Amino acid sequence: MRLVGYTYDGLDRIATRNAVSFAYSGLGVDPISDGTWLTTQDPTGNPVATKAGVTGAWTVADRHGDLTALLNPAFGRG
């Protein structure tokens, strides 16, 4: 069995998991990065794009802000 260690920040959000740091946008509760991926948000906090390494994708969210799809920008329309 593998043990998982967590630390929390002052707002009771996960700060690290097994020494991997999480990042948040302002006072938001959803992480925008865990060191391997990064999500950008619009001014209202909805996801706009995500990037893992050098691979990026546009995000599609439903009206609740839940991620529903990732679109490859190389195949999108401009």
PDB file of N, CA and C in Angstrom:
ATOM      1  N   MET A   1       0.835  -1.160   0.000  1.00  0.00           N
ATOM      2  CA  MET A   1       0.000   0.000   0.000  1.00  0.00           C
ATOM      3  C   MET A   1       0.893   1.241   0.000  1.00  0.00           C
ATOM      4  N   ARG A   2       0.564   2.214  -0.859  1.00  0.00           N
ATOM      5  CA  ARG A   2       1.355   3.441  -0.986  1.00  0.00           C
ATOM      6  C   ARG A   2       0.720   4.542  -0.150  1.00  0.00           C
ATOM      7  N   LEU A   3       1.502   5.166   0.698  1.00  0.00           N
ATOM      8  CA  LEU A   3       1.005   6.260   1.520  1.00  0.00           C
ATOM      9  C   LEU A   3       1.062   7.570   0.751  1.00  0.00           C
ATOM     10  N   VAL A   4       0.057   8.399   0.942  1.00  0.00           N
ATOM     11  CA  VAL A   4      -0.019   9.703   0.297  1.00  0.00           C
ATOM     12  C   VAL A   4      -0.040  10.750   1.401  1.00  0.00           C
ATOM     13  N   GLY A   5       0.852  11.748   1.283  1.00  0.00           N
ATOM     14  CA  GLY A   5       0.918  12.808   2.280  1.00  0.00           C
ATOM     15  C   GLY A   5       0.395  14.121   1.730  1.00  0.00           C
ATOM     16  N   TYR A   6      -0.419  14.818   2.514  1.00  0.00           N
ATOM     17  CA  TYR A   6      -1.010  16.090   2.119  1.00  0.00           C
ATOM     18  C   TYR A   6      -0.633  17.174   3.116  1.00  0.00           C
ATOM     19  N   THR A   7      -0.483  18.410   2.626  1.00  0.00           N
ATOM     20  CA  THR A   7      -0.440  19.589   3.476  1.00  0.00           C
ATOM     21  C   THR A   7      -1.517  20.531   2.962  1.00  0.00           C
ATOM     22  N   TYR A   8      -1.963  21.427   3.834  1.00  0.00           N
ATOM     23  CA  TYR A   8      -3.052  22.339   3.495  1.00  0.00           C
ATOM     24  C   TYR A   8      -2.631  23.772   3.753  1.00  0.00           C
ATOM     25  N   ASP A   9      -3.219  24.698   2.978  1.00  0.00           N
ATOM     26  CA  ASP A   9      -2.908  26.111   3.172  1.00  0.00           C
ATOM     27  C   ASP A   9      -3.873  26.718   4.196  1.00  0.00           C
ATOM     28  N   GLY A  10      -3.767  28.015   4.402  1.00  0.00           N
ATOM     29  CA  GLY A  10      -4.595  28.712   5.378  1.00  0.00           C
ATOM     30  C   GLY A  10      -6.080  28.728   5.043  1.00  0.00           C
ATOM     31  N   LEU A  11      -6.434  28.434   3.785  1.00  0.00           N
ATOM     32  CA  LEU A  11      -7.846  28.382   3.386  1.00  0.00           C
ATOM     33  C   LEU A  11      -8.350  26.942   3.330  1.00  0.00           C
ATOM     34  N   ASP A  12      -7.573  26.008   3.888  1.00  0.00           N
ATOM     35  CA  ASP A  12      -7.909  24.580   3.948  1.00  0.00           C
ATOM     36  C   ASP A  12      -7.968  23.924   2.574  1.00  0.00           C
ATOM     37  N   ARG A  13      -7.178  24.469   1.632  1.00  0.00           N
ATOM     38  CA  ARG A  13      -7.049  23.856   0.310  1.00  0.00           C
ATOM     39  C   ARG A  13      -5.782  23.008   0.311  1.00  0.00           C
ATOM     40  N   ILE A  14      -5.720  21.998  -0.553  1.00  0.00           N
ATOM     41  CA  ILE A  14      -4.520  21.180  -0.633  1.00  0.00           C
ATOM     42  C   ILE A  14      -3.372  22.056  -1.136  1.00  0.00           C
ATOM     43  N   ALA A  15      -2.312  22.129  -0.358  1.00  0.00           N
ATOM     44  CA  ALA A  15      -1.128  22.895  -0.752  1.00  0.00           C
ATOM     45  C   ALA A  15      -0.119  21.996  -1.437  1.00  0.00           C
ATOM     46  N   THR A  16       0.072  20.782  -0.899  1.00  0.00           N
ATOM     47  CA  THR A  16       0.970  19.804  -1.517  1.00  0.00           C
ATOM     48  C   THR A  16       0.379  18.407  -1.361  1.00  0.00           C
ATOM     49  N   ARG A  17       0.702  17.561  -2.325  1.00  0.00           N
ATOM     50  CA  ARG A  17       0.396  16.127  -2.243  1.00  0.00           C
ATOM     51  C   ARG A  17       1.689  15.410  -2.585  1.00  0.00           C
ATOM     52  N   ASN A  18       2.201  14.656  -1.634  1.00  0.00           N
ATOM     53  CA  ASN A  18       3.504  13.983  -1.805  1.00  0.00           C
ATOM     54  C   ASN A  18       4.574  14.966  -2.275  1.00  0.00           C
ATOM     55  N   ALA A  19       4.638  16.130  -1.662  1.00  0.00           N
ATOM     56  CA  ALA A  19       5.624  17.181  -1.919  1.00  0.00           C
ATOM     57  C   ALA A  19       5.431  17.877  -3.272  1.00  0.00           C
ATOM     58  N   VAL A  20       4.361  17.606  -4.008  1.00  0.00           N
ATOM     59  CA  VAL A  20       4.055  18.304  -5.256  1.00  0.00           C
ATOM     60  C   VAL A  20       3.120  19.460  -4.915  1.00  0.00           C
ATOM     61  N   SER A  21       3.511  20.685  -5.279  1.00  0.00           N
ATOM     62  CA  SER A  21       2.745  21.876  -4.922  1.00  0.00           C
ATOM     63  C   SER A  21       1.558  22.113  -5.846  1.00  0.00           C
ATOM     64  N   PHE A  22       0.468  22.564  -5.263  1.00  0.00           N
ATOM     65  CA  PHE A  22      -0.710  22.989  -6.005  1.00  0.00           C
ATOM     66  C   PHE A  22      -0.751  24.509  -6.006  1.00  0.00           C
ATOM     67  N   ALA A  23      -1.299  25.102  -7.073  1.00  0.00           N
ATOM     68  CA  ALA A  23      -1.444  26.555  -7.165  1.00  0.00           C
ATOM     69  C   ALA A  23      -2.913  26.877  -7.393  1.00  0.00           C
ATOM     70  N   TYR A  24      -3.342  28.007  -6.867  1.00  0.00           N
ATOM     71  CA  TYR A  24      -4.725  28.441  -6.969  1.00  0.00           C
ATOM     72  C   TYR A  24      -4.780  29.870  -7.490  1.00  0.00           C
ATOM     73  N   SER A  25      -5.883  30.229  -8.087  1.00  0.00           N
ATOM     74  CA  SER A  25      -6.103  31.588  -8.555  1.00  0.00           C
ATOM     75  C   SER A  25      -6.880  32.345  -7.486  1.00  0.00           C
ATOM     76  N   GLY A  26      -6.226  33.285  -6.851  1.00  0.00           N
ATOM     77  CA  GLY A  26      -6.886  34.067  -5.808  1.00  0.00           C
ATOM     78  C   GLY A  26      -7.398  33.186  -4.684  1.00  0.00           C
ATOM     79  N   LEU A  27      -8.661  33.394  -4.330  1.00  0.00           N
ATOM     80  CA  LEU A  27      -9.276  32.636  -3.247  1.00  0.00           C
ATOM     81  C   LEU A  27     -10.033  31.411  -3.744  1.00  0.00           C
ATOM     82  N   GLY A  28      -9.883  31.082  -5.045  1.00  0.00           N
ATOM     83  CA  GLY A  28     -10.590  29.945  -5.629  1.00  0.00           C
ATOM     84  C   GLY A  28     -10.259  28.634  -4.948  1.00  0.00           C
ATOM     85  N   VAL A  29     -11.188  27.696  -5.011  1.00  0.00           N
ATOM     86  CA  VAL A  29     -10.989  26.394  -4.374  1.00  0.00           C
ATOM     87  C   VAL A  29     -10.513  25.334  -5.364  1.00  0.00           C
ATOM     88  N   ASP A  30     -10.586  25.612  -6.659  1.00  0.00           N
ATOM     89  CA  ASP A  30     -10.136  24.663  -7.671  1.00  0.00           C
ATOM     90  C   ASP A  30      -8.701  24.979  -8.046  1.00  0.00           C
ATOM     91  N   PRO A  31      -7.804  23.991  -7.971  1.00  0.00           N
ATOM     92  CA  PRO A  31      -6.407  24.260  -8.328  1.00  0.00           C
ATOM     93  C   PRO A  31      -6.255  24.583  -9.806  1.00  0.00           C
ATOM     94  N   ILE A  32      -5.313  25.483 -10.116  1.00  0.00           N
ATOM     95  CA  ILE A  32      -5.013  25.798 -11.516  1.00  0.00           C
ATOM     96  C   ILE A  32      -3.737  25.111 -11.977  1.00  0.00           C
ATOM     97  N   SER A  33      -2.976  24.531 -11.026  1.00  0.00           N
ATOM     98  CA  SER A  33      -1.752  23.831 -11.402  1.00  0.00           C
ATOM     99  C   SER A  33      -1.336  22.878 -10.294  1.00  0.00           C
ATOM    100  N   ASP A  34      -0.716  21.770 -10.716  1.00  0.00           N
ATOM    101  CA  ASP A  34      -0.097  20.853  -9.751  1.00  0.00           C
ATOM    102  C   ASP A  34       1.360  20.608 -10.119  1.00  0.00           C
ATOM    103  N   GLY A  35       1.921  21.483 -10.926  1.00  0.00           N
ATOM    104  CA  GLY A  35       3.303  21.335 -11.345  1.00  0.00           C
ATOM    105  C   GLY A  35       3.470  20.572 -12.651  1.00  0.00           C
ATOM    106  N   THR A  36       2.477  19.766 -13.040  1.00  0.00           N
ATOM    107  CA  THR A  36       2.554  19.038 -14.307  1.00  0.00           C
ATOM    108  C   THR A  36       1.585  19.609 -15.330  1.00  0.00           C
ATOM    109  N   TRP A  37       0.565  20.317 -14.892  1.00  0.00           N
ATOM    110  CA  TRP A  37      -0.402  20.939 -15.791  1.00  0.00           C
ATOM    111  C   TRP A  37      -0.757  22.320 -15.244  1.00  0.00           C
ATOM    112  N   LEU A  38      -1.256  23.173 -16.130  1.00  0.00           N
ATOM    113  CA  LEU A  38      -1.648  24.532 -15.776  1.00  0.00           C
ATOM    114  C   LEU A  38      -2.933  24.857 -16.504  1.00  0.00           C
ATOM    115  N   THR A  39      -3.904  25.399 -15.800  1.00  0.00           N
ATOM    116  CA  THR A  39      -5.163  25.823 -16.395  1.00  0.00           C
ATOM    117  C   THR A  39      -5.271  27.332 -16.288  1.00  0.00           C
ATOM    118  N   THR A  40      -5.606  28.003 -17.385  1.00  0.00           N
ATOM    119  CA  THR A  40      -5.886  29.438 -17.347  1.00  0.00           C
ATOM    120  C   THR A  40      -7.386  29.622 -17.264  1.00  0.00           C
ATOM    121  N   GLN A  41      -7.778  30.713 -16.619  1.00  0.00           N
ATOM    122  CA  GLN A  41      -9.197  30.983 -16.401  1.00  0.00           C
ATOM    123  C   GLN A  41      -9.563  32.359 -16.928  1.00  0.00           C
ATOM    124  N   ASP A  42     -10.865  32.526 -17.257  1.00  0.00           N
ATOM    125  CA  ASP A  42     -11.349  33.854 -17.618  1.00  0.00           C
ATOM    126  C   ASP A  42     -11.592  34.644 -16.332  1.00  0.00           C
ATOM    127  N   PRO A  43     -11.960  35.924 -16.428  1.00  0.00           N
ATOM    128  CA  PRO A  43     -12.146  36.731 -15.218  1.00  0.00           C
ATOM    129  C   PRO A  43     -13.199  36.193 -14.249  1.00  0.00           C
ATOM    130  N   THR A  44     -14.127  35.369 -14.724  1.00  0.00           N
ATOM    131  CA  THR A  44     -15.148  34.822 -13.829  1.00  0.00           C
ATOM    132  C   THR A  44     -14.716  33.503 -13.200  1.00  0.00           C
ATOM    133  N   GLY A  45     -13.516  32.999 -13.562  1.00  0.00           N
ATOM    134  CA  GLY A  45     -13.003  31.770 -12.977  1.00  0.00           C
ATOM    135  C   GLY A  45     -13.268  30.519 -13.781  1.00  0.00           C
ATOM    136  N   ASN A  46     -13.905  30.654 -14.945  1.00  0.00           N
ATOM    137  CA  ASN A  46     -14.151  29.483 -15.788  1.00  0.00           C
ATOM    138  C   ASN A  46     -12.885  29.105 -16.545  1.00  0.00           C
ATOM    139  N   PRO A  47     -12.616  27.797 -16.714  1.00  0.00           N
ATOM    140  CA  PRO A  47     -11.414  27.384 -17.434  1.00  0.00           C
ATOM    141  C   PRO A  47     -11.473  27.788 -18.908  1.00  0.00           C
ATOM    142  N   VAL A  48     -10.330  28.243 -19.446  1.00  0.00           N
ATOM    143  CA  VAL A  48     -10.236  28.664 -20.841  1.00  0.00           C
ATOM    144  C   VAL A  48      -9.316  27.738 -21.624  1.00  0.00           C
ATOM    145  N   ALA A  49      -8.175  27.405 -21.027  1.00  0.00           N
ATOM    146  CA  ALA A  49      -7.198  26.547 -21.690  1.00  0.00           C
ATOM    147  C   ALA A  49      -6.422  25.782 -20.632  1.00  0.00           C
ATOM    148  N   THR A  50      -5.832  24.687 -21.060  1.00  0.00           N
ATOM    149  CA  THR A  50      -4.995  23.901 -20.162  1.00  0.00           C
ATOM    150  C   THR A  50      -3.732  23.493 -20.901  1.00  0.00           C
ATOM    151  N   LYS A  51      -2.658  23.319 -20.149  1.00  0.00           N
ATOM    152  CA  LYS A  51      -1.377  22.973 -20.756  1.00  0.00           C
ATOM    153  C   LYS A  51      -0.677  21.940 -19.879  1.00  0.00           C
ATOM    154  N   ALA A  52      -0.213  20.873 -20.500  1.00  0.00           N
ATOM    155  CA  ALA A  52       0.591  19.857 -19.819  1.00  0.00           C
ATOM    156  C   ALA A  52       1.887  19.736 -20.605  1.00  0.00           C
ATOM    157  N   GLY A  53       2.987  20.160 -20.021  1.00  0.00           N
ATOM    158  CA  GLY A  53       4.256  20.193 -20.750  1.00  0.00           C
ATOM    159  C   GLY A  53       4.171  21.223 -21.861  1.00  0.00           C
ATOM    160  N   VAL A  54       4.380  20.800 -23.111  1.00  0.00           N
ATOM    161  CA  VAL A  54       4.278  21.712 -24.244  1.00  0.00           C
ATOM    162  C   VAL A  54       2.959  21.536 -24.992  1.00  0.00           C
ATOM    163  N   THR A  55       2.099  20.646 -24.526  1.00  0.00           N
ATOM    164  CA  THR A  55       0.829  20.380 -25.189  1.00  0.00           C
ATOM    165  C   THR A  55      -0.273  21.213 -24.555  1.00  0.00           C
ATOM    166  N   GLY A  56      -0.931  22.035 -25.363  1.00  0.00           N
ATOM    167  CA  GLY A  56      -2.014  22.872 -24.878  1.00  0.00           C
ATOM    168  C   GLY A  56      -3.332  22.492 -25.521  1.00  0.00           C
ATOM    169  N   ALA A  57      -4.418  22.882 -24.873  1.00  0.00           N
ATOM    170  CA  ALA A  57      -5.751  22.605 -25.403  1.00  0.00           C
ATOM    171  C   ALA A  57      -6.721  23.658 -24.897  1.00  0.00           C
ATOM    172  N   TRP A  58      -7.685  24.018 -25.756  1.00  0.00           N
ATOM    173  CA  TRP A  58      -8.780  24.874 -25.323  1.00  0.00           C
ATOM    174  C   TRP A  58      -9.728  24.024 -24.498  1.00  0.00           C
ATOM    175  N   THR A  59     -10.309  24.600 -23.473  1.00  0.00           N
ATOM    176  CA  THR A  59     -11.238  23.847 -22.644  1.00  0.00           C
ATOM    177  C   THR A  59     -12.667  24.243 -22.976  1.00  0.00           C
ATOM    178  N   VAL A  60     -13.562  23.299 -22.820  1.00  0.00           N
ATOM    179  CA  VAL A  60     -14.992  23.537 -22.984  1.00  0.00           C
ATOM    180  C   VAL A  60     -15.650  23.159 -21.667  1.00  0.00           C
ATOM    181  N   ALA A  61     -16.415  24.075 -21.122  1.00  0.00           N
ATOM    182  CA  ALA A  61     -17.074  23.831 -19.839  1.00  0.00           C
ATOM    183  C   ALA A  61     -18.582  23.998 -19.991  1.00  0.00           C
ATOM    184  N   ASP A  62     -19.316  23.319 -19.122  1.00  0.00           N
ATOM    185  CA  ASP A  62     -20.772  23.480 -19.127  1.00  0.00           C
ATOM    186  C   ASP A  62     -21.138  24.721 -18.315  1.00  0.00           C
ATOM    187  N   ARG A  63     -22.413  24.994 -18.183  1.00  0.00           N
ATOM    188  CA  ARG A  63     -22.835  26.228 -17.493  1.00  0.00           C
ATOM    189  C   ARG A  63     -22.498  26.242 -16.011  1.00  0.00           C
ATOM    190  N   HIS A  64     -22.124  25.089 -15.460  1.00  0.00           N
ATOM    191  CA  HIS A  64     -21.720  25.014 -14.061  1.00  0.00           C
ATOM    192  C   HIS A  64     -20.221  25.210 -13.883  1.00  0.00           C
ATOM    193  N   GLY A  65     -19.490  25.324 -15.008  1.00  0.00           N
ATOM    194  CA  GLY A  65     -18.049  25.479 -14.959  1.00  0.00           C
ATOM    195  C   GLY A  65     -17.296  24.168 -14.932  1.00  0.00           C
ATOM    196  N   ASP A  66     -18.022  23.047 -15.095  1.00  0.00           N
ATOM    197  CA  ASP A  66     -17.380  21.734 -15.120  1.00  0.00           C
ATOM    198  C   ASP A  66     -16.744  21.490 -16.482  1.00  0.00           C
ATOM    199  N   LEU A  67     -15.513  21.022 -16.499  1.00  0.00           N
ATOM    200  CA  LEU A  67     -14.804  20.724 -17.737  1.00  0.00           C
ATOM    201  C   LEU A  67     -15.489  19.570 -18.458  1.00  0.00           C
ATOM    202  N   THR A  68     -15.849  19.785 -19.729  1.00  0.00           N
ATOM    203  CA  THR A  68     -16.547  18.748 -20.496  1.00  0.00           C
ATOM    204  C   THR A  68     -15.761  18.277 -21.707  1.00  0.00           C
ATOM    205  N   ALA A  69     -14.795  19.071 -22.194  1.00  0.00           N
ATOM    206  CA  ALA A  69     -14.025  18.658 -23.370  1.00  0.00           C
ATOM    207  C   ALA A  69     -12.738  19.472 -23.457  1.00  0.00           C
ATOM    208  N   LEU A  70     -11.757  18.903 -24.150  1.00  0.00           N
ATOM    209  CA  LEU A  70     -10.517  19.590 -24.487  1.00  0.00           C
ATOM    210  C   LEU A  70     -10.395  19.593 -26.003  1.00  0.00           C
ATOM    211  N   LEU A  71     -10.108  20.756 -26.601  1.00  0.00           N
ATOM    212  CA  LEU A  71      -9.994  20.880 -28.041  1.00  0.00           C
ATOM    213  C   LEU A  71      -8.569  21.244 -28.421  1.00  0.00           C
ATOM    214  N   ASN A  72      -8.026  20.544 -29.403  1.00  0.00           N
ATOM    215  CA  ASN A  72      -6.691  20.827 -29.898  1.00  0.00           C
ATOM    216  C   ASN A  72      -6.743  22.113 -30.727  1.00  0.00           C
ATOM    217  N   PRO A  73      -6.016  23.171 -30.337  1.00  0.00           N
ATOM    218  CA  PRO A  73      -6.085  24.435 -31.071  1.00  0.00           C
ATOM    219  C   PRO A  73      -5.583  24.329 -32.507  1.00  0.00           C
ATOM    220  N   ALA A  74      -4.780  23.334 -32.835  1.00  0.00           N
ATOM    221  CA  ALA A  74      -4.283  23.180 -34.211  1.00  0.00           C
ATOM    222  C   ALA A  74      -5.395  22.790 -35.166  1.00  0.00           C
ATOM    223  N   PHE A  75      -6.474  22.221 -34.639  1.00  0.00           N
ATOM    224  CA  PHE A  75      -7.589  21.791 -35.498  1.00  0.00           C
ATOM    225  C   PHE A  75      -8.804  22.697 -35.367  1.00  0.00           C
ATOM    226  N   GLY A  76      -8.691  23.779 -34.590  1.00  0.00           N
ATOM    227  CA  GLY A  76      -9.822  24.691 -34.401  1.00  0.00           C
ATOM    228  C   GLY A  76     -10.012  25.614 -35.566  1.00  0.00           C
ATOM    229  N   ARG A  77     -11.053  26.378 -35.499  1.00  0.00           N
ATOM    230  CA  ARG A  77     -11.328  27.376 -36.540  1.00  0.00           C
ATOM    231  C   ARG A  77     -11.054  28.753 -35.995  1.00  0.00           C
ATOM    232  N   GLY A  78     -10.552  29.618 -36.808  1.00  0.00           N
ATOM    233  CA  GLY A  78     -10.202  30.961 -36.358  1.00  0.00           C
ATOM    234  C   GLY A  78     -10.985  32.015 -37.020  1.00  0.00           C
TER     235      GLY A  78
END
